[in-house]
Protein backbone atom coordinates (compact mmCIF):
# COMPACT_ATOMS: atom_id res chain seq x y z
CA MET A 1 17.16 -3.54 -8.14
CA ILE A 2 14.05 -5.19 -6.70
CA THR A 3 10.72 -3.97 -7.94
CA PRO A 4 7.80 -4.23 -5.50
CA THR A 5 5.66 -5.94 -8.11
CA GLY A 6 8.33 -8.32 -9.40
CA LEU A 7 8.18 -10.90 -6.62
CA PHE A 8 4.75 -12.38 -7.27
CA ARG A 9 4.61 -15.72 -9.00
CA ALA A 10 1.45 -17.77 -9.43
CA ARG A 11 1.95 -20.90 -7.35
CA GLU A 12 -0.22 -23.56 -5.74
CA THR A 13 0.80 -22.99 -2.12
CA PRO A 14 -1.28 -22.45 1.03
CA LEU A 15 -0.10 -18.85 1.34
CA HIS A 16 -1.06 -18.15 -2.28
CA HIS A 17 -4.59 -19.37 -1.61
CA ALA A 18 -4.93 -17.28 1.56
CA PRO A 19 -6.79 -13.97 1.19
CA ALA A 20 -4.81 -10.76 1.06
CA TRP A 21 -6.32 -9.38 4.27
CA PHE A 22 -5.17 -12.48 6.18
CA LYS A 23 -1.59 -12.13 4.95
CA VAL A 24 -1.43 -8.43 5.73
CA LEU A 25 -2.90 -9.07 9.18
CA LEU A 26 -0.37 -11.86 9.72
CA LEU A 27 2.46 -9.50 8.79
CA LEU A 28 1.21 -6.80 11.17
CA ALA A 29 0.69 -9.28 14.02
CA THR A 30 4.15 -10.76 13.53
CA THR A 31 5.74 -7.32 13.50
CA VAL A 32 4.01 -6.38 16.75
CA ALA A 33 4.98 -9.72 18.30
CA VAL A 34 8.68 -9.40 17.50
CA ILE A 35 8.70 -5.85 18.85
CA MET A 36 7.01 -6.84 22.10
CA LEU A 37 9.02 -10.02 22.72
CA ASP A 38 12.57 -9.70 24.11
CA ASP A 39 13.31 -13.42 24.33
CA PRO A 40 16.02 -14.57 21.87
CA VAL A 41 14.60 -18.10 21.76
CA SER A 42 11.14 -16.84 20.78
CA SER A 43 12.67 -14.53 18.18
CA LEU A 44 14.65 -17.40 16.67
CA GLY A 45 11.50 -19.52 16.52
CA ILE A 46 9.52 -16.77 14.77
CA MET A 47 12.42 -16.21 12.37
CA ALA A 48 12.54 -19.91 11.48
CA ALA A 49 8.77 -19.97 10.86
CA CYS A 50 8.96 -16.88 8.62
CA LEU A 51 11.86 -18.32 6.63
CA LEU A 52 9.93 -21.56 6.13
CA LEU A 53 6.93 -19.57 4.92
CA LEU A 54 9.14 -17.69 2.49
CA VAL A 55 10.61 -20.91 1.11
CA SER A 56 7.14 -22.46 0.81
CA THR A 57 5.98 -19.67 -1.52
CA GLN A 58 8.74 -20.57 -4.02
CA PRO A 59 9.76 -16.95 -4.68
CA PRO A 60 12.08 -15.90 -7.51
CA ALA A 61 15.58 -16.85 -6.45
CA ARG A 62 17.56 -13.81 -7.61
CA THR A 63 15.46 -11.02 -6.15
CA THR A 64 14.85 -12.92 -2.92
CA THR A 65 18.55 -13.63 -2.49
CA VAL A 66 19.47 -9.99 -3.05
CA ALA A 67 16.88 -8.85 -0.50
CA MET A 68 17.92 -11.41 2.10
CA VAL A 69 21.63 -10.70 1.64
CA GLY A 70 21.04 -7.01 2.25
CA THR A 71 18.98 -7.86 5.32
CA LEU A 72 21.71 -10.15 6.64
CA VAL A 73 24.29 -7.39 6.22
CA VAL A 74 22.17 -4.94 8.22
CA ALA A 75 21.46 -7.60 10.84
CA ALA A 76 25.16 -8.42 11.15
CA LEU A 77 26.07 -4.75 11.65
CA THR A 78 23.35 -4.35 14.27
CA SER A 79 24.47 -7.51 16.07
CA ALA A 80 28.08 -6.31 16.04
CA ILE A 81 27.07 -3.12 17.84
CA HIS A 82 25.22 -5.03 20.56
CA LEU A 83 28.00 -7.60 20.86
CA TRP A 84 30.51 -4.79 21.26
CA ARG A 85 28.40 -3.61 24.18
CA GLY A 86 28.42 -7.12 25.63
CA ASP A 87 24.68 -7.80 25.17
CA TRP A 88 24.62 -11.02 23.13
CA ALA A 89 20.95 -11.73 23.90
CA ARG A 90 19.90 -8.37 22.49
CA ALA A 91 22.09 -8.95 19.43
CA VAL A 92 20.40 -12.27 18.67
CA ASP A 93 16.94 -10.86 19.36
CA VAL A 94 17.30 -7.80 17.11
CA SER A 95 18.88 -9.73 14.24
CA ALA A 96 16.27 -12.50 14.35
CA ASP A 97 13.44 -9.96 14.50
CA LEU A 98 14.74 -8.10 11.45
CA ILE A 99 15.23 -11.24 9.40
CA ALA A 100 11.77 -12.55 10.41
CA VAL A 101 9.90 -9.40 9.39
CA VAL A 102 11.73 -9.07 6.05
CA ALA A 103 11.26 -12.76 5.25
CA LEU A 104 7.55 -12.62 6.00
CA ALA A 105 7.15 -9.41 3.98
CA LEU A 106 8.85 -11.11 1.03
CA ALA A 107 6.58 -14.13 1.45
CA VAL A 108 3.51 -11.89 1.39
CA ALA A 109 4.79 -10.03 -1.70
CA ALA A 110 5.62 -13.30 -3.46
CA SER A 111 2.20 -14.82 -2.80
CA THR A 112 -0.12 -11.83 -3.30
CA ALA A 113 -1.12 -10.50 -6.70
CA MET A 114 -1.11 -6.76 -7.18
CA THR A 115 -4.81 -6.77 -8.10
CA ALA A 116 -5.64 -8.47 -4.79
CA MET A 117 -3.58 -5.92 -2.87
CA LEU A 118 -5.25 -3.01 -4.66
CA ASP A 119 -8.68 -4.50 -3.94
CA LEU A 120 -7.71 -4.71 -0.27
CA VAL A 121 -6.61 -1.08 -0.21
CA SER A 122 -9.88 -0.02 -1.86
CA THR A 123 -11.88 -2.06 0.65
CA LEU A 124 -10.03 -0.55 3.61
CA ALA A 125 -10.67 2.93 2.20
CA ARG A 126 -14.45 2.54 2.13
CA PRO A 127 -14.99 4.12 5.60
CA ILE A 128 -13.40 7.35 4.31
CA ARG A 129 -15.12 7.32 0.91
CA VAL A 130 -16.78 10.65 1.73
CA ILE A 131 -13.33 12.27 1.91
CA LEU A 132 -11.47 10.13 -0.60
CA PRO A 133 -13.05 7.63 -3.02
CA PRO A 134 -11.65 4.09 -2.63
CA GLU A 135 -10.86 3.92 -6.34
CA THR A 136 -8.70 7.03 -6.04
CA LEU A 137 -6.79 5.63 -3.08
CA GLY A 138 -6.22 2.37 -4.92
CA LEU A 139 -4.91 4.33 -7.89
CA MET A 140 -2.57 6.29 -5.61
CA PHE A 141 -1.25 3.05 -4.12
CA ALA A 142 -0.66 1.59 -7.58
CA LEU A 143 1.14 4.74 -8.73
CA LEU A 144 3.34 4.63 -5.63
CA LEU A 145 4.38 1.07 -6.39
CA ARG A 146 5.02 2.04 -10.01
CA ALA A 147 7.04 5.14 -9.15
CA LEU A 148 9.38 3.65 -6.53
CA PRO A 149 11.33 1.33 -8.86
CA GLU A 150 11.37 3.97 -11.59
CA VAL A 151 12.88 6.59 -9.27
CA ALA A 152 15.41 4.04 -8.01
CA GLN A 153 16.39 3.23 -11.59
CA ILE A 154 16.77 6.94 -12.40
CA TYR A 155 19.00 7.36 -9.35
CA LEU A 156 21.22 4.42 -10.34
CA GLU A 157 21.57 5.68 -13.91
CA SER A 158 22.41 9.20 -12.71
CA ARG A 159 25.03 7.85 -10.32
CA GLN A 160 26.62 5.75 -13.06
CA ALA A 161 26.66 8.74 -15.42
CA ALA A 162 28.27 10.95 -12.77
CA ARG A 163 30.86 8.28 -12.03
CA ALA A 164 31.67 7.92 -15.73
CA ARG A 165 32.34 11.68 -15.95
CA GLY A 166 34.51 11.60 -12.84
CA PHE A 167 31.96 13.42 -10.66
CA ASP A 168 31.07 10.51 -8.39
CA ARG A 169 31.77 12.67 -5.30
CA ASN A 170 29.90 15.69 -6.62
CA LEU A 171 26.45 15.81 -5.01
CA ARG A 172 25.02 18.24 -7.55
CA ALA A 173 26.03 16.01 -10.45
CA LEU A 174 23.88 13.31 -8.88
CA LEU A 175 20.91 15.27 -7.52
CA TYR A 176 20.20 17.55 -10.49
CA PRO A 177 19.74 14.80 -13.13
CA THR A 178 17.84 12.62 -10.69
CA THR A 179 15.45 15.42 -9.71
CA THR A 180 14.91 16.60 -13.28
CA ARG A 181 14.22 13.12 -14.66
CA THR A 182 11.95 12.28 -11.72
CA VAL A 183 9.85 15.38 -12.29
CA GLY A 184 9.70 14.58 -16.00
CA PHE A 185 8.57 11.04 -15.26
CA ALA A 186 5.86 12.35 -12.92
CA LEU A 187 4.61 14.81 -15.57
CA GLU A 188 4.52 12.14 -18.28
CA LEU A 189 2.69 9.75 -15.98
CA GLY A 190 0.16 12.41 -15.03
CA GLN A 191 -0.47 13.31 -18.67
CA ALA A 192 -0.97 9.65 -19.58
CA ILE A 193 -3.43 9.18 -16.71
CA HIS A 194 -5.36 12.32 -17.65
CA ALA A 195 -5.46 11.35 -21.35
CA ARG A 196 -6.99 7.98 -20.53
CA GLY A 197 -9.44 9.41 -18.00
CA ILE A 198 -8.12 7.13 -15.27
CA GLY A 199 -9.21 8.16 -11.81
CA GLU A 200 -12.10 10.28 -13.04
CA GLU A 201 -14.59 7.44 -12.83
CA GLY A 202 -14.73 7.70 -9.07
CA ASP A 203 -15.44 11.43 -9.19
CA GLN A 204 -18.19 10.86 -11.77
CA ILE A 205 -19.74 8.10 -9.66
CA GLU A 206 -19.65 10.21 -6.52
CA SER A 207 -21.18 13.21 -8.30
CA GLY A 208 -23.89 10.96 -9.73
CA LYS A 209 -24.64 9.63 -6.26
CA ARG A 210 -24.86 13.15 -4.88
CA ARG A 211 -27.27 14.18 -7.65
CA ALA A 212 -29.37 11.08 -7.00
CA ARG A 213 -29.54 11.88 -3.29
CA ARG A 214 -30.58 15.48 -3.99
CA SER A 215 -33.21 14.24 -6.44
CA ARG A 216 -34.59 11.81 -3.86
CA ARG A 217 -34.72 14.50 -1.21
CA SER A 218 -36.51 16.92 -3.52
CA SER A 219 -38.97 14.20 -4.58
CA ALA A 220 -39.62 13.32 -0.97
CA GLY A 221 -40.25 16.99 -0.20
CA ARG A 222 -42.74 17.34 -3.06
CA ASP A 223 -44.52 14.15 -2.01
CA ALA A 224 -44.79 15.41 1.55
CA THR A 225 -46.23 18.73 0.35
CA VAL A 226 -48.79 17.02 -1.88
CA SER A 227 -49.87 14.59 0.83
CA ALA A 228 -50.18 17.40 3.35
CA SER A 229 -52.44 19.38 0.98
CA HIS A 230 -54.79 16.38 0.56
CA THR A 231 -55.15 15.47 4.22
CA PRO A 232 -58.77 15.64 5.63
CA GLY A 233 -57.70 18.07 8.34
CA ALA A 234 -56.33 20.48 5.83
CA GLY A 235 -59.58 20.37 3.77
CA THR A 236 -61.73 20.94 6.90
CA GLY A 237 -59.68 23.86 7.93
CA ILE A 238 -60.02 25.50 4.57
CA GLY A 239 -63.78 24.96 4.52
CA SER A 240 -64.25 26.42 8.00
CA ASP A 241 -62.28 29.51 7.04
CA GLU A 242 -64.44 30.07 3.98
CA ALA A 243 -67.56 29.68 6.08
């Protein structure tokens, strides 16, 4: 099993020194490019460049090999379908595109620390900080990355247990333990977060900012009232009425 956070290794490579936003933008641009381009030669060139980038990051061999082997299997099946239809150009294009995107995604994961990625998510969430604080969104992203490998591990253990009891074809013997343990993991994680007060800092900061804004508005209103009562026109008007 490949964990999303298990690919990063501190290296002295150009991609490691690049900022996280540049690598994410590069991944998005490459994905759009391989979708828009239908030329097999261009797809093969992009695939070669992405593979070279992946090798340059010096990723962990085992997890990278497992990921690339799975990608090659899917690419081979997809190519077989297009070759069966007699479209060899489409087969090469689709396979090269898939390998290129996966290789570049692995290169980005192997060269980007989780703290840098969380900082990027928090920065991108600043425009919607009125609806959702950036710190909360960063916490949600971190919890997602933490939960995915845990749920996958629970599924694998449940499948092995069902197979050991002879219920490998029984769907309920697989789904019930997986669902129960996943819910239990979510409850334990939520209790741990609540006990440590994680995620509440953003709410406290936002409430403090709102109180400060209300205080400034009320102070500005009092200052305006006081200044209006001491204006010369106001004093003249009062004196003329008394006369």
